[in-house]
Structures are given as structure tokens and as C-alpha cells.
Amino acid sequence: MESLLSPGLQYGLEHSTLTCWIICGILALLSITSWAVILSKHFLLSRVHRANLSFLREYRDSNHALEQFQRREHHEYSPYYHIYHAACREMAWYLVGEDEPGETFAARLQGAGRITPSQMGAVQSAMERSVAEASLRLEARMSWVATALSGAPFLGLLGTVWGMLDTFAMMTASESAADLAALAPGITTALVTTVLGLLVAIPSMVCYNSLVNRIRGMVVRLDNFASELSAGLDRTFVDHRFSTEILPSMSALGSPSMPAFTGTNASPLPAAMHAAHLRA
């Protein structure tokens, strides 16, 4: 391990103070947490991508929009499946009155009619909620990586400033003139935390930007799939022949009657009160 360190970093660690070791420990915890989230997100996004491709292939090869829902096929790691399942549950409720396919689901579906556009709006709301929940699951724990990349440099700077203050205090307390050999351990130790902070922040920044771009692209694909699914369900199950109620025209409502204030009693007060007011 020592052969992998630069001579300056190795020298600084050998002469580190308690404050330096505390900050280095915090930086190590941030680094471990950040890398744990980065690796778990990488494997999760890869698994989600493969599951989405598998579900999408089966969905587009199916003969009916509700075929996979009727067969109760599960794709646990596919957000596409959860969006599809949420939409199909809402659609089945309006079509046959049940949100899970039973033994008579296929027969009842054959005799079911179509739903109205307003009911289709509820199906779209279910899909939007599912997309939002999937987005939150994909973005979960990313704040730990953001904390590592933004907080590590400040912790390193804190350790450096603290170490320099200790070095200057030692110079002031020393009776003899401090030479470079005497100041070298304190200055080197102070700079160690900055180096370690940057070593934590730079990889976290690169991986964070990469993961954010992957998550953003996956959320866009979720929205696109929800739009595709909504269009397919709309063409198959929605009856657009229902016309909305025609609002009456202004002429059918009649002329508005406004109170006239141009008579002898133009005051808003009653007549008796108005006369008493004038006599006063």
C-alpha cells in the first residue's frame, strides 16, 4: 500500500495529527458510501434496462393489449411492466368491474363495451403516477453521491486550514526561529486532507454525471412508453362517439336585468331614511 502512495502523501500520513485522522476517516466513509451507491445503481440500471427490453419485446408480440395482464406475467425489475400493470388494472375496472384477472375475465372481457374518454383520463393518471414512482425509485440514494462530490472538497479544505493554524501556532510558541525542516511536517499534514478530499470528489463527480444521464434517459423512455401504451389502449377500448354536452348560448340565457338608479329614489337607503336624511 505504501508503494502506491506518493512520497509527500506518505510523509503527511506518517506525521498526521488527530484532527487530520478524524477528517480522513469522514472522507473514507463518504467514499465508501458513494462507491456503494454508484456500483448498486450501475447494476440496477443495467438490470432494469434488460428487464424493460424483455417486457417490451413480449408486449409488442402480444395479440391483445391486455394479453400479458390476463396471463399474469410478472417482470419485477421492469418499470415498463409496472406502468402497464397500473394502466391495465384501471382499464379492467372500468371494463369488467374488477382490477385483477379472474377465471371469467376473458369471457367477461369479450362482452364488455368501451369506456368513455373521461374514464380513459383516469387510466392515464394511473400511468403517470406509476412513471413518477419509477422515477423516484431510480433516483433514490443519489443524494449520497452528490453529498460526497460536494462535501469532500470542503472537508479537505477544513483539514488544510486547521493544519495550517496548528503550524502557525507552533511557530509562535517556538522560542527559536522555525526552519523549513521544522515546518514541513505540519504543512504536509495540512495538505493531505485536501488531496484526499479531491480524490473522493473527482471520481464521485464523474460517476454522478454518468448515472444522472442514464437515469434521465430512462425516465424519458418511461414517458415515451406510457404515451405509446396510452395510444394503444385509447384506440382499442375508448369510444369517442360520445359527444360532450353543448353549453347554452348567451342569447338562450336571456338579457341580464340590472337595477336602475336613475329614478327619484336614487339613494340606496330606504325612502323613509332618505327623507329623514334630507330634513337633517
C-alpha atoms as a PDB file:
ATOM      1  CA  MET A   1       0.000   0.000   0.000  1.00  0.00           C
ATOM      2  CA  GLU A   2       2.816   2.403   0.812  1.00  0.00           C
ATOM      3  CA  SER A   3       4.368   1.849  -2.616  1.00  0.00           C
ATOM      4  CA  LEU A   4       1.165   3.163  -4.218  1.00  0.00           C
ATOM      5  CA  LEU A   5       1.317   6.458  -2.333  1.00  0.00           C
ATOM      6  CA  SER A   6       3.358   9.443  -3.387  1.00  0.00           C
ATOM      7  CA  PRO A   7       6.278  10.317  -1.070  1.00  0.00           C
ATOM      8  CA  GLY A   8       4.602  13.545   0.004  1.00  0.00           C
ATOM      9  CA  LEU A   9       1.291  11.869   0.798  1.00  0.00           C
ATOM     10  CA  GLN A  10       3.036   9.073   2.661  1.00  0.00           C
ATOM     11  CA  TYR A  11       5.085  11.593   4.645  1.00  0.00           C
ATOM     12  CA  GLY A  12       1.960  13.568   5.527  1.00  0.00           C
ATOM     13  CA  LEU A  13       0.099  10.483   6.746  1.00  0.00           C
ATOM     14  CA  GLU A  14       3.048   9.445   8.898  1.00  0.00           C
ATOM     15  CA  HIS A  15       3.004  12.799  10.693  1.00  0.00           C
ATOM     16  CA  SER A  16      -0.788  13.261  10.794  1.00  0.00           C
ATOM     17  CA  THR A  17      -2.495  14.740  13.818  1.00  0.00           C
ATOM     18  CA  LEU A  18      -5.714  13.575  15.465  1.00  0.00           C
ATOM     19  CA  THR A  19      -7.743  16.205  13.606  1.00  0.00           C
ATOM     20  CA  CYS A  20      -6.304  15.049  10.298  1.00  0.00           C
ATOM     21  CA  TRP A  21      -7.162  11.424  11.038  1.00  0.00           C
ATOM     22  CA  ILE A  22     -10.736  12.336  12.003  1.00  0.00           C
ATOM     23  CA  ILE A  23     -11.272  14.224   8.735  1.00  0.00           C
ATOM     24  CA  CYS A  24      -9.628  11.405   6.777  1.00  0.00           C
ATOM     25  CA  GLY A  25     -11.996   8.945   8.457  1.00  0.00           C
ATOM     26  CA  ILE A  26     -15.029  11.028   7.473  1.00  0.00           C
ATOM     27  CA  LEU A  27     -13.724  11.231   3.918  1.00  0.00           C
ATOM     28  CA  ALA A  28     -13.246   7.466   3.869  1.00  0.00           C
ATOM     29  CA  LEU A  29     -16.850   6.930   4.995  1.00  0.00           C
ATOM     30  CA  LEU A  30     -18.085   9.305   2.290  1.00  0.00           C
ATOM     31  CA  SER A  31     -16.015   7.500  -0.309  1.00  0.00           C
ATOM     32  CA  ILE A  32     -17.258   4.050   0.732  1.00  0.00           C
ATOM     33  CA  THR A  33     -20.892   5.230   0.758  1.00  0.00           C
ATOM     34  CA  SER A  34     -20.528   6.958  -2.583  1.00  0.00           C
ATOM     35  CA  TRP A  35     -18.963   3.947  -4.278  1.00  0.00           C
ATOM     36  CA  ALA A  36     -21.550   1.610  -2.769  1.00  0.00           C
ATOM     37  CA  VAL A  37     -24.363   3.724  -4.244  1.00  0.00           C
ATOM     38  CA  ILE A  38     -22.553   4.097  -7.574  1.00  0.00           C
ATOM     39  CA  LEU A  39     -21.999   0.361  -8.000  1.00  0.00           C
ATOM     40  CA  SER A  40     -25.512  -0.569  -6.858  1.00  0.00           C
ATOM     41  CA  LYS A  41     -27.034   1.991  -9.235  1.00  0.00           C
ATOM     42  CA  HIS A  42     -24.916   0.752 -12.113  1.00  0.00           C
ATOM     43  CA  PHE A  43     -26.044  -2.843 -11.664  1.00  0.00           C
ATOM     44  CA  LEU A  44     -29.650  -1.771 -11.018  1.00  0.00           C
ATOM     45  CA  LEU A  45     -29.854   0.345 -14.169  1.00  0.00           C
ATOM     46  CA  SER A  46     -28.340  -2.468 -16.227  1.00  0.00           C
ATOM     47  CA  ARG A  47     -30.849  -4.958 -14.824  1.00  0.00           C
ATOM     48  CA  VAL A  48     -33.749  -2.539 -15.364  1.00  0.00           C
ATOM     49  CA  HIS A  49     -32.682  -1.954 -18.962  1.00  0.00           C
ATOM     50  CA  ARG A  50     -32.585  -5.685 -19.705  1.00  0.00           C
ATOM     51  CA  ALA A  51     -35.956  -6.214 -17.994  1.00  0.00           C
ATOM     52  CA  ASN A  52     -37.516  -3.362 -19.967  1.00  0.00           C
ATOM     53  CA  LEU A  53     -36.276  -4.802 -23.251  1.00  0.00           C
ATOM     54  CA  SER A  54     -37.635  -8.245 -22.339  1.00  0.00           C
ATOM     55  CA  PHE A  55     -41.061  -6.886 -21.378  1.00  0.00           C
ATOM     56  CA  LEU A  56     -41.263  -4.577 -24.393  1.00  0.00           C
ATOM     57  CA  ARG A  57     -40.496  -7.471 -26.727  1.00  0.00           C
ATOM     58  CA  GLU A  58     -43.300  -9.555 -25.215  1.00  0.00           C
ATOM     59  CA  TYR A  59     -45.718  -6.628 -25.185  1.00  0.00           C
ATOM     60  CA  ARG A  60     -45.240  -5.831 -28.860  1.00  0.00           C
ATOM     61  CA  ASP A  61     -45.513  -9.514 -29.820  1.00  0.00           C
ATOM     62  CA  SER A  62     -48.812  -9.960 -27.947  1.00  0.00           C
ATOM     63  CA  ASN A  63     -52.074 -10.246 -29.873  1.00  0.00           C
ATOM     64  CA  HIS A  64     -54.139  -8.147 -27.480  1.00  0.00           C
ATOM     65  CA  ALA A  65     -53.387  -5.130 -25.319  1.00  0.00           C
ATOM     66  CA  LEU A  66     -54.465  -6.978 -22.147  1.00  0.00           C
ATOM     67  CA  GLU A  67     -52.944 -10.334 -23.027  1.00  0.00           C
ATOM     68  CA  GLN A  68     -49.989 -10.126 -20.635  1.00  0.00           C
ATOM     69  CA  PHE A  69     -52.219  -8.739 -17.907  1.00  0.00           C
ATOM     70  CA  GLN A  70     -54.599 -11.664 -18.377  1.00  0.00           C
ATOM     71  CA  ARG A  71     -51.727 -14.195 -18.220  1.00  0.00           C
ATOM     72  CA  ARG A  72     -50.431 -12.542 -15.013  1.00  0.00           C
ATOM     73  CA  GLU A  73     -46.846 -12.386 -16.213  1.00  0.00           C
ATOM     74  CA  HIS A  74     -44.505 -10.541 -13.862  1.00  0.00           C
ATOM     75  CA  HIS A  75     -41.391  -8.556 -14.679  1.00  0.00           C
ATOM     76  CA  GLU A  76     -40.384  -7.323 -11.260  1.00  0.00           C
ATOM     77  CA  TYR A  77     -37.411  -5.195 -12.326  1.00  0.00           C
ATOM     78  CA  SER A  78     -39.122  -3.604 -15.332  1.00  0.00           C
ATOM     79  CA  PRO A  79     -40.719  -0.171 -14.805  1.00  0.00           C
ATOM     80  CA  TYR A  80     -42.493  -0.738 -18.133  1.00  0.00           C
ATOM     81  CA  TYR A  81     -44.307  -3.664 -16.553  1.00  0.00           C
ATOM     82  CA  HIS A  82     -45.412  -1.619 -13.538  1.00  0.00           C
ATOM     83  CA  ILE A  83     -46.721   1.148 -15.807  1.00  0.00           C
ATOM     84  CA  TYR A  84     -48.521  -1.425 -17.952  1.00  0.00           C
ATOM     85  CA  HIS A  85     -49.960  -3.224 -14.918  1.00  0.00           C
ATOM     86  CA  ALA A  86     -51.242   0.005 -13.349  1.00  0.00           C
ATOM     87  CA  ALA A  87     -52.942   1.011 -16.606  1.00  0.00           C
ATOM     88  CA  CYS A  88     -54.454  -2.447 -17.132  1.00  0.00           C
ATOM     89  CA  ARG A  89     -55.811  -2.599 -13.583  1.00  0.00           C
ATOM     90  CA  GLU A  90     -57.589   0.718 -14.042  1.00  0.00           C
ATOM     91  CA  MET A  91     -58.806  -0.281 -17.508  1.00  0.00           C
ATOM     92  CA  ALA A  92     -60.102  -3.674 -16.276  1.00  0.00           C
ATOM     93  CA  TRP A  93     -62.038  -1.972 -13.506  1.00  0.00           C
ATOM     94  CA  TYR A  94     -63.952   0.176 -15.984  1.00  0.00           C
ATOM     95  CA  LEU A  95     -64.431  -2.665 -18.477  1.00  0.00           C
ATOM     96  CA  VAL A  96     -65.487  -5.618 -16.304  1.00  0.00           C
ATOM     97  CA  GLY A  97     -65.649  -4.225 -12.770  1.00  0.00           C
ATOM     98  CA  GLU A  98     -62.559  -5.990 -11.370  1.00  0.00           C
ATOM     99  CA  ASP A  99     -58.935  -4.894 -11.172  1.00  0.00           C
ATOM    100  CA  GLU A 100     -57.348  -8.358 -11.238  1.00  0.00           C
ATOM    101  CA  PRO A 101     -57.957 -11.025 -13.915  1.00  0.00           C
ATOM    102  CA  GLY A 102     -60.030 -13.904 -12.571  1.00  0.00           C
ATOM    103  CA  GLU A 103     -61.186 -17.157 -14.117  1.00  0.00           C
ATOM    104  CA  THR A 104     -64.025 -15.470 -16.027  1.00  0.00           C
ATOM    105  CA  PHE A 105     -62.020 -12.412 -17.001  1.00  0.00           C
ATOM    106  CA  ALA A 106     -61.578 -13.414 -20.665  1.00  0.00           C
ATOM    107  CA  ALA A 107     -65.289 -14.241 -21.131  1.00  0.00           C
ATOM    108  CA  ARG A 108     -66.422 -11.034 -19.448  1.00  0.00           C
ATOM    109  CA  LEU A 109     -63.955  -9.023 -21.495  1.00  0.00           C
ATOM    110  CA  GLN A 110     -65.447 -10.362 -24.714  1.00  0.00           C
ATOM    111  CA  GLY A 111     -68.858  -8.988 -23.751  1.00  0.00           C
ATOM    112  CA  ALA A 112     -67.600  -5.697 -22.346  1.00  0.00           C
ATOM    113  CA  GLY A 113     -68.206  -2.459 -24.130  1.00  0.00           C
ATOM    114  CA  ARG A 114     -65.940   0.516 -24.397  1.00  0.00           C
ATOM    115  CA  ILE A 115     -65.078   3.205 -21.899  1.00  0.00           C
ATOM    116  CA  THR A 116     -65.572   6.941 -22.145  1.00  0.00           C
ATOM    117  CA  PRO A 117     -62.759   9.462 -22.703  1.00  0.00           C
ATOM    118  CA  SER A 118     -63.168  10.686 -19.114  1.00  0.00           C
ATOM    119  CA  GLN A 119     -62.569   7.141 -17.837  1.00  0.00           C
ATOM    120  CA  MET A 120     -59.525   6.928 -20.084  1.00  0.00           C
ATOM    121  CA  GLY A 121     -58.270  10.028 -18.291  1.00  0.00           C
ATOM    122  CA  ALA A 122     -58.246   8.010 -15.044  1.00  0.00           C
ATOM    123  CA  VAL A 123     -56.195   5.311 -16.779  1.00  0.00           C
ATOM    124  CA  GLN A 124     -53.693   7.920 -17.932  1.00  0.00           C
ATOM    125  CA  SER A 125     -53.491   9.306 -14.386  1.00  0.00           C
ATOM    126  CA  ALA A 126     -52.633   5.809 -13.121  1.00  0.00           C
ATOM    127  CA  MET A 127     -49.834   5.568 -15.685  1.00  0.00           C
ATOM    128  CA  GLU A 128     -48.489   8.990 -14.732  1.00  0.00           C
ATOM    129  CA  ARG A 129     -48.396   8.002 -11.070  1.00  0.00           C
ATOM    130  CA  SER A 130     -46.538   4.815 -11.954  1.00  0.00           C
ATOM    131  CA  VAL A 131     -43.996   6.770 -14.035  1.00  0.00           C
ATOM    132  CA  ALA A 132     -43.432   9.173 -11.140  1.00  0.00           C
ATOM    133  CA  GLU A 133     -42.934   6.310  -8.666  1.00  0.00           C
ATOM    134  CA  ALA A 134     -40.493   4.575 -11.023  1.00  0.00           C
ATOM    135  CA  SER A 135     -38.531   7.823 -11.401  1.00  0.00           C
ATOM    136  CA  LEU A 136     -38.263   8.187  -7.636  1.00  0.00           C
ATOM    137  CA  ARG A 137     -37.004   4.608  -7.296  1.00  0.00           C
ATOM    138  CA  LEU A 138     -34.375   5.176  -9.975  1.00  0.00           C
ATOM    139  CA  GLU A 139     -33.165   8.393  -8.341  1.00  0.00           C
ATOM    140  CA  ALA A 140     -33.163   7.012  -4.790  1.00  0.00           C
ATOM    141  CA  ARG A 141     -29.928   7.400  -2.782  1.00  0.00           C
ATOM    142  CA  MET A 142     -28.301   9.557  -5.455  1.00  0.00           C
ATOM    143  CA  SER A 143     -28.124  12.321  -2.859  1.00  0.00           C
ATOM    144  CA  TRP A 144     -25.327  10.381  -1.110  1.00  0.00           C
ATOM    145  CA  VAL A 145     -23.158  10.633  -4.210  1.00  0.00           C
ATOM    146  CA  ALA A 146     -23.998  14.323  -4.547  1.00  0.00           C
ATOM    147  CA  THR A 147     -23.047  14.836  -0.892  1.00  0.00           C
ATOM    148  CA  ALA A 148     -19.690  13.123  -1.444  1.00  0.00           C
ATOM    149  CA  LEU A 149     -18.772  15.159  -4.517  1.00  0.00           C
ATOM    150  CA  SER A 150     -19.809  18.476  -2.971  1.00  0.00           C
ATOM    151  CA  GLY A 151     -18.793  17.926   0.662  1.00  0.00           C
ATOM    152  CA  ALA A 152     -15.430  16.171   0.270  1.00  0.00           C
ATOM    153  CA  PRO A 153     -13.523  19.245  -1.051  1.00  0.00           C
ATOM    154  CA  PHE A 154     -14.842  21.377   1.817  1.00  0.00           C
ATOM    155  CA  LEU A 155     -13.805  18.771   4.378  1.00  0.00           C
ATOM    156  CA  GLY A 156     -10.371  18.655   2.782  1.00  0.00           C
ATOM    157  CA  LEU A 157     -10.160  22.440   2.912  1.00  0.00           C
ATOM    158  CA  LEU A 158     -11.209  22.381   6.554  1.00  0.00           C
ATOM    159  CA  GLY A 159      -8.404  19.961   7.374  1.00  0.00           C
ATOM    160  CA  THR A 160      -5.891  22.095   5.493  1.00  0.00           C
ATOM    161  CA  VAL A 161      -6.882  25.333   7.239  1.00  0.00           C
ATOM    162  CA  TRP A 162      -6.904  23.569  10.606  1.00  0.00           C
ATOM    163  CA  GLY A 163      -3.439  22.130   9.994  1.00  0.00           C
ATOM    164  CA  MET A 164      -2.038  25.491   8.914  1.00  0.00           C
ATOM    165  CA  LEU A 165      -3.421  27.121  12.044  1.00  0.00           C
ATOM    166  CA  ASP A 166      -1.709  24.454  14.168  1.00  0.00           C
ATOM    167  CA  THR A 167       1.543  25.047  12.268  1.00  0.00           C
ATOM    168  CA  PHE A 168       1.415  28.805  12.824  1.00  0.00           C
ATOM    169  CA  ALA A 169       0.601  28.276  16.483  1.00  0.00           C
ATOM    170  CA  MET A 170       3.655  26.027  16.783  1.00  0.00           C
ATOM    171  CA  MET A 171       5.816  28.693  15.130  1.00  0.00           C
ATOM    172  CA  THR A 172       4.560  31.305  17.564  1.00  0.00           C
ATOM    173  CA  ALA A 173       5.180  29.110  20.602  1.00  0.00           C
ATOM    174  CA  SER A 174       8.674  28.145  19.466  1.00  0.00           C
ATOM    175  CA  GLU A 175      11.415  30.185  21.026  1.00  0.00           C
ATOM    176  CA  SER A 176      13.898  29.619  18.204  1.00  0.00           C
ATOM    177  CA  ALA A 177      13.358  30.571  14.582  1.00  0.00           C
ATOM    178  CA  ALA A 178      11.480  27.812  12.802  1.00  0.00           C
ATOM    179  CA  ASP A 179      13.277  26.457   9.764  1.00  0.00           C
ATOM    180  CA  LEU A 180      11.810  24.552   6.819  1.00  0.00           C
ATOM    181  CA  ALA A 181      12.551  21.155   8.343  1.00  0.00           C
ATOM    182  CA  ALA A 182      10.508  22.048  11.409  1.00  0.00           C
ATOM    183  CA  LEU A 183       7.550  23.386   9.381  1.00  0.00           C
ATOM    184  CA  ALA A 184       7.473  20.594   6.806  1.00  0.00           C
ATOM    185  CA  PRO A 185       5.512  18.009   8.868  1.00  0.00           C
ATOM    186  CA  GLY A 186       2.733  20.445   9.784  1.00  0.00           C
ATOM    187  CA  ILE A 187       2.333  21.872   6.288  1.00  0.00           C
ATOM    188  CA  THR A 188       2.426  18.443   4.640  1.00  0.00           C
ATOM    189  CA  THR A 189      -0.144  17.085   7.075  1.00  0.00           C
ATOM    190  CA  ALA A 190      -2.391  20.063   6.406  1.00  0.00           C
ATOM    191  CA  LEU A 191      -2.306  19.450   2.665  1.00  0.00           C
ATOM    192  CA  VAL A 192      -3.074  15.725   2.999  1.00  0.00           C
ATOM    193  CA  THR A 193      -6.770  16.316   3.692  1.00  0.00           C
ATOM    194  CA  THR A 194      -7.142  18.486   0.572  1.00  0.00           C
ATOM    195  CA  VAL A 195      -5.601  15.764  -1.577  1.00  0.00           C
ATOM    196  CA  LEU A 196      -7.840  13.102  -0.068  1.00  0.00           C
ATOM    197  CA  GLY A 197     -10.907  15.322  -0.455  1.00  0.00           C
ATOM    198  CA  LEU A 198     -10.209  15.761  -4.153  1.00  0.00           C
ATOM    199  CA  LEU A 199      -9.575  12.032  -4.562  1.00  0.00           C
ATOM    200  CA  VAL A 200     -13.052  11.426  -3.152  1.00  0.00           C
ATOM    201  CA  ALA A 201     -14.830  14.227  -5.034  1.00  0.00           C
ATOM    202  CA  ILE A 202     -13.459  13.801  -8.562  1.00  0.00           C
ATOM    203  CA  PRO A 203     -14.496  10.144  -9.142  1.00  0.00           C
ATOM    204  CA  SER A 204     -17.841  10.839  -7.462  1.00  0.00           C
ATOM    205  CA  MET A 205     -18.449  13.755  -9.820  1.00  0.00           C
ATOM    206  CA  VAL A 206     -17.675  11.705 -12.941  1.00  0.00           C
ATOM    207  CA  CYS A 207     -19.827   8.758 -11.853  1.00  0.00           C
ATOM    208  CA  TYR A 208     -22.654  11.018 -10.664  1.00  0.00           C
ATOM    209  CA  ASN A 209     -22.912  12.779 -14.017  1.00  0.00           C
ATOM    210  CA  SER A 210     -22.872   9.448 -15.832  1.00  0.00           C
ATOM    211  CA  LEU A 211     -25.606   7.979 -13.629  1.00  0.00           C
ATOM    212  CA  VAL A 212     -27.749  11.107 -13.862  1.00  0.00           C
ATOM    213  CA  ASN A 213     -27.604  10.990 -17.661  1.00  0.00           C
ATOM    214  CA  ARG A 214     -28.573   7.301 -17.666  1.00  0.00           C
ATOM    215  CA  ILE A 215     -31.452   7.884 -15.260  1.00  0.00           C
ATOM    216  CA  ARG A 216     -32.666  10.895 -17.236  1.00  0.00           C
ATOM    217  CA  GLY A 217     -32.659   8.907 -20.459  1.00  0.00           C
ATOM    218  CA  MET A 218     -34.516   6.042 -18.791  1.00  0.00           C
ATOM    219  CA  VAL A 219     -37.190   8.408 -17.425  1.00  0.00           C
ATOM    220  CA  VAL A 220     -37.694   9.830 -20.918  1.00  0.00           C
ATOM    221  CA  ARG A 221     -38.138   6.295 -22.255  1.00  0.00           C
ATOM    222  CA  LEU A 222     -40.681   5.618 -19.496  1.00  0.00           C
ATOM    223  CA  ASP A 223     -42.688   8.645 -20.612  1.00  0.00           C
ATOM    224  CA  ASN A 224     -42.477   7.508 -24.232  1.00  0.00           C
ATOM    225  CA  PHE A 225     -43.683   4.010 -23.338  1.00  0.00           C
ATOM    226  CA  ALA A 226     -46.565   5.450 -21.309  1.00  0.00           C
ATOM    227  CA  SER A 227     -47.577   7.549 -24.321  1.00  0.00           C
ATOM    228  CA  GLU A 228     -47.369   4.519 -26.617  1.00  0.00           C
ATOM    229  CA  LEU A 229     -49.418   2.408 -24.213  1.00  0.00           C
ATOM    230  CA  SER A 230     -51.987   5.162 -23.782  1.00  0.00           C
ATOM    231  CA  ALA A 231     -52.411   5.476 -27.543  1.00  0.00           C
ATOM    232  CA  GLY A 232     -52.856   1.713 -27.932  1.00  0.00           C
ATOM    233  CA  LEU A 233     -55.435   1.467 -25.156  1.00  0.00           C
ATOM    234  CA  ASP A 234     -57.242   4.530 -26.497  1.00  0.00           C
ATOM    235  CA  ARG A 235     -57.598   3.029 -29.975  1.00  0.00           C
ATOM    236  CA  THR A 236     -58.814  -0.308 -28.631  1.00  0.00           C
ATOM    237  CA  PHE A 237     -61.067   0.476 -25.704  1.00  0.00           C
ATOM    238  CA  VAL A 238     -62.226   4.104 -25.860  1.00  0.00           C
ATOM    239  CA  ASP A 239     -65.460   5.140 -27.564  1.00  0.00           C
ATOM    240  CA  HIS A 240     -65.056   8.653 -28.925  1.00  0.00           C
ATOM    241  CA  ARG A 241     -68.595   8.793 -30.293  1.00  0.00           C
ATOM    242  CA  PHE A 242     -69.873  10.296 -27.060  1.00  0.00           C
ATOM    243  CA  SER A 243     -70.397  13.998 -27.631  1.00  0.00           C
ATOM    244  CA  THR A 244     -69.958  16.435 -24.847  1.00  0.00           C
ATOM    245  CA  GLU A 245     -72.926  18.413 -23.587  1.00  0.00           C
ATOM    246  CA  ILE A 246     -73.489  21.607 -25.572  1.00  0.00           C
ATOM    247  CA  LEU A 247     -73.431  24.700 -23.423  1.00  0.00           C
ATOM    248  CA  PRO A 248     -76.349  27.129 -23.956  1.00  0.00           C
ATOM    249  CA  SER A 249     -75.629  30.295 -25.884  1.00  0.00           C
ATOM    250  CA  MET A 250     -75.764  33.722 -24.334  1.00  0.00           C
ATOM    251  CA  SER A 251     -78.993  34.540 -26.192  1.00  0.00           C
ATOM    252  CA  ALA A 252     -80.712  31.498 -24.685  1.00  0.00           C
ATOM    253  CA  LEU A 253     -79.925  32.788 -21.218  1.00  0.00           C
ATOM    254  CA  GLY A 254     -81.885  35.998 -21.833  1.00  0.00           C
ATOM    255  CA  SER A 255     -80.903  39.596 -21.311  1.00  0.00           C
ATOM    256  CA  PRO A 256     -79.365  40.368 -17.944  1.00  0.00           C
ATOM    257  CA  SER A 257     -81.524  42.611 -15.741  1.00  0.00           C
ATOM    258  CA  MET A 258     -79.624  45.364 -13.931  1.00  0.00           C
ATOM    259  CA  PRO A 259     -81.183  47.586 -11.212  1.00  0.00           C
ATOM    260  CA  ALA A 260     -81.863  51.171 -12.312  1.00  0.00           C
ATOM    261  CA  PHE A 261     -80.535  54.016 -10.196  1.00  0.00           C
ATOM    262  CA  THR A 262     -81.973  56.918 -12.236  1.00  0.00           C
ATOM    263  CA  GLY A 263     -85.358  57.257 -10.516  1.00  0.00           C
ATOM    264  CA  THR A 264     -86.465  59.754  -7.869  1.00  0.00           C
ATOM    265  CA  ASN A 265     -85.118  57.474  -5.213  1.00  0.00           C
ATOM    266  CA  ALA A 266     -81.524  57.247  -6.412  1.00  0.00           C
ATOM    267  CA  SER A 267     -80.225  56.717  -2.904  1.00  0.00           C
ATOM    268  CA  PRO A 268     -79.553  53.126  -1.839  1.00  0.00           C
ATOM    269  CA  LEU A 269     -81.234  53.986   1.524  1.00  0.00           C
ATOM    270  CA  PRO A 270     -84.946  53.225   2.064  1.00  0.00           C
ATOM    271  CA  ALA A 271     -87.359  56.066   1.269  1.00  0.00           C
ATOM    272  CA  ALA A 272     -88.149  56.965   4.899  1.00  0.00           C
ATOM    273  CA  MET A 273     -84.493  57.025   5.876  1.00  0.00           C
ATOM    274  CA  HIS A 274     -83.665  59.063   2.760  1.00  0.00           C
ATOM    275  CA  ALA A 275     -86.309  61.693   3.658  1.00  0.00           C
ATOM    276  CA  ALA A 276     -85.087  61.913   7.230  1.00  0.00           C
ATOM    277  CA  HIS A 277     -81.579  62.347   5.939  1.00  0.00           C
ATOM    278  CA  LEU A 278     -82.651  65.238   3.712  1.00  0.00           C
ATOM    279  CA  ARG A 279     -84.515  67.002   6.572  1.00  0.00           C
ATOM    280  CA  ALA A 280     -81.441  66.716   8.727  1.00  0.00           C
END
